[in-house]
Amino acid sequence: MMSPATTTLTLPLSVVVSSAARGPRQTAKVRAEKKQRQNSLGFSGDKKETWWHCVEGCGACCKLQKGPSFLSPEEIFDDPSHVQLYKSLIGPDGWCIHYEKSTRKCSIYSERPYFCRVEPEVFKSLYGVKEKKFHKEACSFCRDTIKAIYGPNSKELYNFNNSIRSSSS
């Protein structure tokens, strides 16, 4: 049986050899640096993430009857007592009975029900949102709700977008 011939080839340092099927090989460090560049905004090289926080004077989430484009209480809650509690909070105009429209504040804010809290645990429990996606999903949820309640050109949406933009810089 003959052994295959071995040839040694010396290439100049400027030559890159790559497989057409796989592309050039990259070290873990190069891959991480490339991913960081792709995920970065601005000049700092730091990834800028949007951080959700409530904007005072909005109250869009306190409009409990939002219409057919939003999930019904029966679609959100597994426990019938939670559905009943949610429905008991709906006033004749569709707003929460604890929302004071003149001040745009909740009269039971510190004691509000868990489903009124925009927190990672609540979003995971109600919507299946993982903690690492919480801020992105909460911001998206708020934008959609504000647009539905106040309109896409509302001062509430403008204030929300400015607020989360300034908190991420």
N, C-alpha and C. Protein backbone atom coordinates (compact mmCIF):
# COMPACT_ATOMS: atom_id res chain seq x y z
N MET A 1 0.84 -1.18 0.00
CA MET A 1 0.00 0.00 0.00
C MET A 1 0.88 1.23 0.00
N MET A 2 0.58 2.16 -0.85
CA MET A 2 1.39 3.36 -0.96
C MET A 2 0.82 4.43 -0.04
N SER A 3 1.68 5.20 0.60
CA SER A 3 1.21 6.32 1.43
C SER A 3 1.13 7.55 0.57
N PRO A 4 0.17 8.45 0.88
CA PRO A 4 0.02 9.65 0.07
C PRO A 4 1.24 10.53 0.21
N ALA A 5 1.57 11.21 -0.84
CA ALA A 5 2.72 12.11 -0.83
C ALA A 5 2.37 13.36 -0.04
N THR A 6 3.31 13.87 0.71
CA THR A 6 3.10 15.08 1.49
C THR A 6 3.94 16.18 0.87
N THR A 7 3.30 17.31 0.61
CA THR A 7 4.00 18.44 0.04
C THR A 7 3.90 19.60 1.01
N THR A 8 4.99 20.25 1.25
CA THR A 8 4.99 21.42 2.10
C THR A 8 5.01 22.63 1.20
N LEU A 9 4.11 23.55 1.47
CA LEU A 9 3.97 24.75 0.66
C LEU A 9 4.13 25.95 1.57
N THR A 10 4.99 26.84 1.24
CA THR A 10 5.18 28.05 2.04
C THR A 10 4.53 29.20 1.30
N LEU A 11 3.58 29.86 2.00
CA LEU A 11 2.85 30.97 1.41
C LEU A 11 3.33 32.28 2.01
N PRO A 12 3.24 33.34 1.24
CA PRO A 12 3.58 34.64 1.82
C PRO A 12 2.58 34.97 2.94
N LEU A 13 2.96 35.79 3.90
CA LEU A 13 2.11 36.12 5.03
C LEU A 13 0.83 36.83 4.63
N SER A 14 0.79 37.45 3.49
CA SER A 14 -0.40 38.19 3.09
C SER A 14 -1.49 37.30 2.48
N VAL A 15 -1.23 36.03 2.28
CA VAL A 15 -2.20 35.14 1.66
C VAL A 15 -3.12 34.56 2.74
N VAL A 16 -4.42 34.60 2.47
CA VAL A 16 -5.40 34.00 3.37
C VAL A 16 -5.99 32.80 2.66
N VAL A 17 -5.93 31.65 3.28
CA VAL A 17 -6.48 30.45 2.70
C VAL A 17 -7.80 30.16 3.40
N SER A 18 -8.83 29.98 2.60
CA SER A 18 -10.13 29.67 3.20
C SER A 18 -10.84 28.64 2.36
N SER A 19 -11.71 27.92 2.98
CA SER A 19 -12.52 26.93 2.29
C SER A 19 -13.71 27.65 1.68
N ALA A 20 -14.03 27.32 0.46
CA ALA A 20 -15.17 27.97 -0.19
C ALA A 20 -16.47 27.60 0.51
N ALA A 21 -16.51 26.43 1.09
CA ALA A 21 -17.74 25.99 1.75
C ALA A 21 -17.97 26.66 3.10
N ARG A 22 -16.90 26.95 3.82
CA ARG A 22 -17.07 27.47 5.18
C ARG A 22 -16.70 28.93 5.33
N GLY A 23 -16.00 29.50 4.44
CA GLY A 23 -15.54 30.87 4.61
C GLY A 23 -14.32 30.89 5.52
N PRO A 24 -13.72 32.06 5.71
CA PRO A 24 -12.51 32.14 6.53
C PRO A 24 -12.81 31.79 7.99
N ARG A 25 -11.85 31.13 8.62
CA ARG A 25 -12.00 30.80 10.04
C ARG A 25 -11.72 32.04 10.86
N GLN A 26 -12.47 32.17 11.93
CA GLN A 26 -12.27 33.31 12.82
C GLN A 26 -12.08 32.80 14.23
N THR A 27 -11.22 33.47 14.95
CA THR A 27 -11.05 33.11 16.36
C THR A 27 -12.26 33.61 17.14
N ALA A 28 -12.42 33.10 18.33
CA ALA A 28 -13.54 33.54 19.18
C ALA A 28 -13.45 35.04 19.44
N LYS A 29 -12.24 35.54 19.61
CA LYS A 29 -12.06 36.97 19.88
C LYS A 29 -12.51 37.80 18.68
N VAL A 30 -12.16 37.39 17.48
CA VAL A 30 -12.55 38.12 16.27
C VAL A 30 -14.07 38.08 16.11
N ARG A 31 -14.69 36.91 16.35
CA ARG A 31 -16.15 36.81 16.26
C ARG A 31 -16.82 37.73 17.27
N ALA A 32 -16.30 37.77 18.49
CA ALA A 32 -16.89 38.63 19.54
C ALA A 32 -16.76 40.10 19.17
N GLU A 33 -15.59 40.49 18.65
CA GLU A 33 -15.39 41.89 18.25
C GLU A 33 -16.31 42.26 17.09
N LYS A 34 -16.48 41.35 16.14
CA LYS A 34 -17.36 41.61 14.99
C LYS A 34 -18.80 41.75 15.46
N LYS A 35 -19.23 40.87 16.36
CA LYS A 35 -20.60 40.94 16.88
C LYS A 35 -20.80 42.26 17.64
N GLN A 36 -19.80 42.68 18.41
CA GLN A 36 -19.91 43.94 19.16
C GLN A 36 -20.07 45.12 18.20
N ARG A 37 -19.32 45.11 17.09
CA ARG A 37 -19.45 46.19 16.11
C ARG A 37 -20.84 46.19 15.49
N GLN A 38 -21.39 45.01 15.20
CA GLN A 38 -22.71 44.92 14.59
C GLN A 38 -23.81 45.35 15.55
N ASN A 39 -23.61 45.15 16.84
CA ASN A 39 -24.63 45.47 17.83
C ASN A 39 -24.46 46.86 18.42
N SER A 40 -23.50 47.63 17.95
CA SER A 40 -23.22 48.92 18.56
C SER A 40 -23.88 50.05 17.79
N LEU A 41 -24.25 51.06 18.52
CA LEU A 41 -24.75 52.28 17.92
C LEU A 41 -23.83 53.40 18.38
N GLY A 42 -23.74 54.44 17.62
CA GLY A 42 -22.91 55.56 18.05
C GLY A 42 -21.44 55.24 17.88
N PHE A 43 -20.61 56.03 18.56
CA PHE A 43 -19.17 55.90 18.41
C PHE A 43 -18.50 55.21 19.58
N SER A 44 -19.20 55.01 20.67
CA SER A 44 -18.55 54.51 21.88
C SER A 44 -18.25 53.02 21.81
N GLY A 45 -18.92 52.28 20.96
CA GLY A 45 -18.71 50.85 20.90
C GLY A 45 -19.56 50.11 21.91
N ASP A 46 -20.23 50.83 22.79
CA ASP A 46 -21.12 50.20 23.77
C ASP A 46 -22.47 49.98 23.13
N LYS A 47 -23.05 48.82 23.39
CA LYS A 47 -24.38 48.54 22.88
C LYS A 47 -25.38 49.36 23.68
N LYS A 48 -26.22 50.07 22.97
CA LYS A 48 -27.23 50.88 23.64
C LYS A 48 -28.54 50.12 23.61
N GLU A 49 -29.07 49.87 24.80
CA GLU A 49 -30.33 49.16 24.91
C GLU A 49 -31.41 50.13 25.37
N THR A 50 -32.61 49.85 24.97
CA THR A 50 -33.75 50.64 25.41
C THR A 50 -34.19 50.11 26.76
N TRP A 51 -34.33 50.99 27.71
CA TRP A 51 -34.78 50.61 29.04
C TRP A 51 -36.16 51.17 29.27
N TRP A 52 -37.11 50.28 29.56
CA TRP A 52 -38.47 50.71 29.80
C TRP A 52 -38.58 51.39 31.15
N HIS A 53 -39.36 52.42 31.21
CA HIS A 53 -39.82 52.98 32.48
C HIS A 53 -41.10 53.76 32.21
N CYS A 54 -41.90 53.83 33.23
CA CYS A 54 -43.20 54.50 33.11
C CYS A 54 -42.99 56.00 32.97
N VAL A 55 -43.81 56.61 32.14
CA VAL A 55 -43.76 58.06 31.95
C VAL A 55 -44.96 58.66 32.66
N GLU A 56 -44.69 59.50 33.62
CA GLU A 56 -45.75 60.12 34.40
C GLU A 56 -46.68 60.93 33.50
N GLY A 57 -47.97 60.83 33.78
CA GLY A 57 -48.95 61.61 33.03
C GLY A 57 -49.43 60.95 31.75
N CYS A 58 -49.14 59.68 31.57
CA CYS A 58 -49.58 58.98 30.36
C CYS A 58 -50.91 58.28 30.63
N GLY A 59 -50.88 57.17 31.34
CA GLY A 59 -52.10 56.46 31.71
C GLY A 59 -52.72 55.61 30.63
N ALA A 60 -52.06 55.43 29.50
CA ALA A 60 -52.66 54.63 28.41
C ALA A 60 -52.98 53.21 28.87
N CYS A 61 -52.16 52.65 29.72
CA CYS A 61 -52.41 51.28 30.19
C CYS A 61 -53.63 51.21 31.11
N CYS A 62 -54.09 52.34 31.61
CA CYS A 62 -55.27 52.38 32.50
C CYS A 62 -56.58 52.35 31.73
N LYS A 63 -56.50 52.44 30.42
CA LYS A 63 -57.69 52.25 29.58
C LYS A 63 -57.83 50.74 29.43
N LEU A 64 -58.72 50.15 30.20
CA LEU A 64 -58.80 48.70 30.29
C LEU A 64 -59.57 48.06 29.14
N GLN A 65 -60.50 48.77 28.53
CA GLN A 65 -61.18 48.28 27.33
C GLN A 65 -60.52 48.95 26.13
N LYS A 66 -59.55 48.24 25.56
CA LYS A 66 -58.74 48.83 24.50
C LYS A 66 -59.24 48.51 23.10
N GLY A 67 -60.11 47.54 22.98
CA GLY A 67 -60.63 47.20 21.66
C GLY A 67 -60.16 45.85 21.17
N PRO A 68 -60.63 45.46 19.98
CA PRO A 68 -60.40 44.11 19.47
C PRO A 68 -58.95 43.80 19.09
N SER A 69 -58.11 44.81 18.91
CA SER A 69 -56.73 44.52 18.54
C SER A 69 -55.88 44.12 19.74
N PHE A 70 -56.45 44.18 20.94
CA PHE A 70 -55.74 43.79 22.16
C PHE A 70 -56.35 42.51 22.72
N LEU A 71 -55.56 41.77 23.48
CA LEU A 71 -56.05 40.54 24.09
C LEU A 71 -57.16 40.84 25.09
N SER A 72 -58.11 39.94 25.17
CA SER A 72 -59.18 40.07 26.16
C SER A 72 -58.67 39.53 27.49
N PRO A 73 -59.32 39.88 28.60
CA PRO A 73 -58.90 39.33 29.90
C PRO A 73 -58.89 37.80 29.90
N GLU A 74 -59.84 37.19 29.23
CA GLU A 74 -59.89 35.72 29.16
C GLU A 74 -58.68 35.14 28.43
N GLU A 75 -58.13 35.89 27.49
CA GLU A 75 -56.95 35.43 26.76
C GLU A 75 -55.67 35.65 27.56
N ILE A 76 -55.69 36.58 28.49
CA ILE A 76 -54.50 36.91 29.28
C ILE A 76 -54.39 36.03 30.53
N PHE A 77 -55.48 35.89 31.25
CA PHE A 77 -55.46 35.24 32.56
C PHE A 77 -55.96 33.80 32.50
N ASP A 78 -55.27 32.93 33.24
CA ASP A 78 -55.70 31.54 33.38
C ASP A 78 -56.71 31.40 34.52
N ASP A 79 -56.55 32.22 35.54
CA ASP A 79 -57.38 32.14 36.74
C ASP A 79 -58.65 32.98 36.56
N PRO A 80 -59.82 32.37 36.65
CA PRO A 80 -61.08 33.12 36.49
C PRO A 80 -61.24 34.26 37.50
N SER A 81 -60.64 34.13 38.68
CA SER A 81 -60.75 35.22 39.66
C SER A 81 -59.98 36.46 39.21
N HIS A 82 -58.91 36.26 38.44
CA HIS A 82 -58.15 37.39 37.89
C HIS A 82 -58.95 38.08 36.78
N VAL A 83 -59.64 37.28 35.98
CA VAL A 83 -60.51 37.84 34.94
C VAL A 83 -61.60 38.68 35.61
N GLN A 84 -62.18 38.14 36.66
CA GLN A 84 -63.25 38.84 37.38
C GLN A 84 -62.73 40.15 37.99
N LEU A 85 -61.54 40.10 38.62
CA LEU A 85 -60.97 41.32 39.21
C LEU A 85 -60.72 42.37 38.13
N TYR A 86 -60.10 41.96 37.02
CA TYR A 86 -59.82 42.88 35.93
C TYR A 86 -61.11 43.56 35.46
N LYS A 87 -62.13 42.75 35.20
CA LYS A 87 -63.40 43.30 34.71
C LYS A 87 -64.07 44.21 35.73
N SER A 88 -63.86 43.93 37.02
CA SER A 88 -64.48 44.77 38.06
C SER A 88 -63.85 46.16 38.12
N LEU A 89 -62.67 46.31 37.54
CA LEU A 89 -61.98 47.60 37.55
C LEU A 89 -62.38 48.50 36.38
N ILE A 90 -63.11 47.96 35.42
CA ILE A 90 -63.48 48.71 34.22
C ILE A 90 -64.68 49.61 34.51
N GLY A 91 -64.47 50.91 34.34
CA GLY A 91 -65.55 51.87 34.51
C GLY A 91 -66.42 51.93 33.27
N PRO A 92 -67.53 52.69 33.32
CA PRO A 92 -68.46 52.78 32.19
C PRO A 92 -67.82 53.34 30.92
N ASP A 93 -66.75 54.13 31.06
CA ASP A 93 -66.08 54.70 29.89
C ASP A 93 -64.89 53.86 29.41
N GLY A 94 -64.68 52.67 30.03
CA GLY A 94 -63.59 51.79 29.62
C GLY A 94 -62.30 52.01 30.38
N TRP A 95 -62.21 53.09 31.13
CA TRP A 95 -61.01 53.39 31.91
C TRP A 95 -61.10 52.71 33.27
N CYS A 96 -59.97 52.47 33.89
CA CYS A 96 -59.94 51.89 35.23
C CYS A 96 -60.63 52.84 36.20
N ILE A 97 -61.40 52.28 37.12
CA ILE A 97 -62.13 53.11 38.08
C ILE A 97 -61.18 53.82 39.06
N HIS A 98 -59.92 53.39 39.12
CA HIS A 98 -58.95 54.02 40.02
C HIS A 98 -58.08 55.05 39.31
N TYR A 99 -58.28 55.22 38.02
CA TYR A 99 -57.50 56.20 37.26
C TYR A 99 -58.20 57.55 37.33
N GLU A 100 -57.49 58.53 37.84
CA GLU A 100 -58.04 59.88 37.95
C GLU A 100 -57.63 60.67 36.71
N LYS A 101 -58.57 60.84 35.81
CA LYS A 101 -58.27 61.48 34.52
C LYS A 101 -57.79 62.92 34.67
N SER A 102 -58.27 63.63 35.66
CA SER A 102 -57.89 65.04 35.82
C SER A 102 -56.41 65.17 36.20
N THR A 103 -55.89 64.23 36.97
CA THR A 103 -54.48 64.29 37.37
C THR A 103 -53.62 63.28 36.62
N ARG A 104 -54.29 62.37 35.89
CA ARG A 104 -53.62 61.28 35.18
C ARG A 104 -52.77 60.44 36.13
N LYS A 105 -53.36 60.11 37.27
CA LYS A 105 -52.67 59.28 38.26
C LYS A 105 -53.60 58.19 38.76
N CYS A 106 -52.99 57.12 39.25
CA CYS A 106 -53.73 56.00 39.83
C CYS A 106 -53.92 56.26 41.32
N SER A 107 -55.15 56.14 41.77
CA SER A 107 -55.44 56.41 43.18
C SER A 107 -55.01 55.27 44.11
N ILE A 108 -54.69 54.10 43.55
CA ILE A 108 -54.23 52.97 44.37
C ILE A 108 -52.87 52.47 43.89
N TYR A 109 -52.05 53.35 43.35
CA TYR A 109 -50.80 52.95 42.69
C TYR A 109 -49.96 51.99 43.54
N SER A 110 -49.72 52.31 44.80
CA SER A 110 -48.86 51.44 45.61
C SER A 110 -49.52 50.10 45.94
N GLU A 111 -50.84 50.02 45.85
CA GLU A 111 -51.56 48.77 46.12
C GLU A 111 -52.22 48.19 44.87
N ARG A 112 -51.83 48.64 43.70
CA ARG A 112 -52.47 48.19 42.47
C ARG A 112 -52.28 46.69 42.27
N PRO A 113 -53.18 46.05 41.53
CA PRO A 113 -53.07 44.60 41.28
C PRO A 113 -51.79 44.26 40.52
N TYR A 114 -51.37 43.01 40.64
CA TYR A 114 -50.12 42.60 40.00
C TYR A 114 -50.15 42.82 38.49
N PHE A 115 -51.30 42.63 37.85
CA PHE A 115 -51.35 42.76 36.39
C PHE A 115 -51.24 44.21 35.94
N CYS A 116 -51.28 45.15 36.85
CA CYS A 116 -51.06 46.56 36.52
C CYS A 116 -49.58 46.94 36.63
N ARG A 117 -48.76 46.02 37.03
CA ARG A 117 -47.34 46.28 37.25
C ARG A 117 -46.54 45.85 36.02
N VAL A 118 -45.77 46.75 35.48
CA VAL A 118 -44.91 46.42 34.34
C VAL A 118 -43.56 46.04 34.92
N GLU A 119 -43.41 44.75 35.17
CA GLU A 119 -42.21 44.19 35.80
C GLU A 119 -41.87 42.87 35.10
N PRO A 120 -40.59 42.49 35.11
CA PRO A 120 -40.19 41.25 34.42
C PRO A 120 -40.99 40.02 34.85
N GLU A 121 -41.23 39.87 36.15
CA GLU A 121 -41.95 38.68 36.63
C GLU A 121 -43.38 38.65 36.11
N VAL A 122 -44.02 39.80 36.06
CA VAL A 122 -45.40 39.88 35.58
C VAL A 122 -45.46 39.57 34.09
N PHE A 123 -44.55 40.14 33.31
CA PHE A 123 -44.53 39.90 31.86
C PHE A 123 -44.24 38.43 31.56
N LYS A 124 -43.41 37.80 32.39
CA LYS A 124 -43.14 36.37 32.19
C LYS A 124 -44.39 35.56 32.51
N SER A 125 -45.05 35.88 33.62
CA SER A 125 -46.23 35.15 34.05
C SER A 125 -47.40 35.31 33.07
N LEU A 126 -47.67 36.53 32.65
CA LEU A 126 -48.83 36.79 31.80
C LEU A 126 -48.59 36.54 30.31
N TYR A 127 -47.41 36.91 29.83
CA TYR A 127 -47.17 36.89 28.38
C TYR A 127 -46.06 35.94 27.94
N GLY A 128 -45.38 35.29 28.91
CA GLY A 128 -44.29 34.39 28.56
C GLY A 128 -43.03 35.09 28.10
N VAL A 129 -42.86 36.36 28.46
CA VAL A 129 -41.69 37.14 28.03
C VAL A 129 -40.53 36.84 28.98
N LYS A 130 -39.41 36.40 28.42
CA LYS A 130 -38.23 36.13 29.23
C LYS A 130 -37.63 37.44 29.73
N GLU A 131 -36.94 37.35 30.87
CA GLU A 131 -36.42 38.55 31.51
C GLU A 131 -35.49 39.35 30.59
N LYS A 132 -34.66 38.67 29.80
CA LYS A 132 -33.72 39.40 28.95
C LYS A 132 -34.43 40.18 27.83
N LYS A 133 -35.68 39.83 27.54
CA LYS A 133 -36.45 40.54 26.51
C LYS A 133 -37.45 41.53 27.12
N PHE A 134 -37.48 41.62 28.45
CA PHE A 134 -38.49 42.43 29.12
C PHE A 134 -38.52 43.88 28.63
N HIS A 135 -37.39 44.58 28.66
CA HIS A 135 -37.38 46.01 28.32
C HIS A 135 -37.86 46.24 26.89
N LYS A 136 -37.37 45.44 25.96
CA LYS A 136 -37.77 45.58 24.56
C LYS A 136 -39.28 45.35 24.40
N GLU A 137 -39.79 44.28 25.01
CA GLU A 137 -41.21 43.96 24.90
C GLU A 137 -42.08 44.98 25.61
N ALA A 138 -41.64 45.45 26.78
CA ALA A 138 -42.42 46.45 27.52
C ALA A 138 -42.51 47.75 26.72
N CYS A 139 -41.41 48.16 26.11
CA CYS A 139 -41.43 49.37 25.28
C CYS A 139 -42.37 49.20 24.09
N SER A 140 -42.32 48.05 23.45
CA SER A 140 -43.19 47.78 22.31
C SER A 140 -44.66 47.78 22.75
N PHE A 141 -44.93 47.13 23.87
CA PHE A 141 -46.29 47.09 24.41
C PHE A 141 -46.80 48.50 24.69
N CYS A 142 -45.97 49.31 25.33
CA CYS A 142 -46.38 50.69 25.65
C CYS A 142 -46.62 51.51 24.39
N ARG A 143 -45.72 51.41 23.43
CA ARG A 143 -45.92 52.15 22.18
C ARG A 143 -47.25 51.78 21.52
N ASP A 144 -47.51 50.49 21.42
CA ASP A 144 -48.75 50.03 20.79
C ASP A 144 -49.97 50.55 21.55
N THR A 145 -49.91 50.49 22.87
CA THR A 145 -51.03 50.93 23.70
C THR A 145 -51.23 52.44 23.58
N ILE A 146 -50.16 53.20 23.64
CA ILE A 146 -50.25 54.66 23.53
C ILE A 146 -50.82 55.05 22.17
N LYS A 147 -50.35 54.40 21.10
CA LYS A 147 -50.87 54.69 19.76
C LYS A 147 -52.36 54.40 19.67
N ALA A 148 -52.79 53.28 20.27
CA ALA A 148 -54.20 52.90 20.20
C ALA A 148 -55.08 53.85 21.00
N ILE A 149 -54.59 54.33 22.13
CA ILE A 149 -55.40 55.17 23.02
C ILE A 149 -55.34 56.64 22.62
N TYR A 150 -54.14 57.14 22.37
CA TYR A 150 -53.96 58.58 22.12
C TYR A 150 -53.65 58.93 20.67
N GLY A 151 -53.25 57.95 19.87
CA GLY A 151 -52.92 58.20 18.48
C GLY A 151 -51.42 58.19 18.22
N PRO A 152 -51.03 57.92 16.96
CA PRO A 152 -49.61 57.80 16.61
C PRO A 152 -48.85 59.12 16.64
N ASN A 153 -49.55 60.24 16.65
CA ASN A 153 -48.88 61.54 16.68
C ASN A 153 -49.12 62.27 18.00
N SER A 154 -49.43 61.52 19.04
CA SER A 154 -49.79 62.13 20.32
C SER A 154 -48.58 62.62 21.10
N LYS A 155 -48.84 63.58 21.97
CA LYS A 155 -47.77 64.06 22.85
C LYS A 155 -47.35 62.96 23.82
N GLU A 156 -48.27 62.06 24.16
CA GLU A 156 -47.94 60.95 25.06
C GLU A 156 -46.90 60.01 24.42
N LEU A 157 -47.08 59.72 23.14
CA LEU A 157 -46.11 58.87 22.45
C LEU A 157 -44.78 59.59 22.30
N TYR A 158 -44.83 60.86 21.96
CA TYR A 158 -43.62 61.67 21.85
C TYR A 158 -42.86 61.67 23.18
N ASN A 159 -43.58 61.90 24.28
CA ASN A 159 -42.94 61.92 25.60
C ASN A 159 -42.36 60.56 25.97
N PHE A 160 -43.09 59.49 25.66
CA PHE A 160 -42.59 58.15 25.96
C PHE A 160 -41.31 57.87 25.18
N ASN A 161 -41.34 58.11 23.88
CA ASN A 161 -40.15 57.84 23.06
C ASN A 161 -38.95 58.67 23.51
N ASN A 162 -39.17 59.94 23.82
CA ASN A 162 -38.07 60.78 24.31
C ASN A 162 -37.54 60.29 25.64
N SER A 163 -38.42 59.85 26.49
CA SER A 163 -38.03 59.40 27.82
C SER A 163 -37.17 58.14 27.75
N ILE A 164 -37.59 57.15 26.97
CA ILE A 164 -36.80 55.92 26.91
C ILE A 164 -35.52 56.13 26.10
N ARG A 165 -35.53 57.04 25.14
CA ARG A 165 -34.33 57.34 24.37
C ARG A 165 -33.29 57.98 25.27
N SER A 166 -33.71 58.92 26.11
CA SER A 166 -32.76 59.61 26.98
C SER A 166 -32.26 58.70 28.09
N SER A 167 -33.05 57.70 28.47
CA SER A 167 -32.61 56.79 29.53
C SER A 167 -31.61 55.76 29.01
N SER A 168 -31.55 55.56 27.69
CA SER A 168 -30.63 54.56 27.14
C SER A 168 -29.30 55.17 26.72
N SER A 169 -29.15 56.49 26.78
CA SER A 169 -27.89 57.10 26.36
C SER A 169 -26.95 57.29 27.50
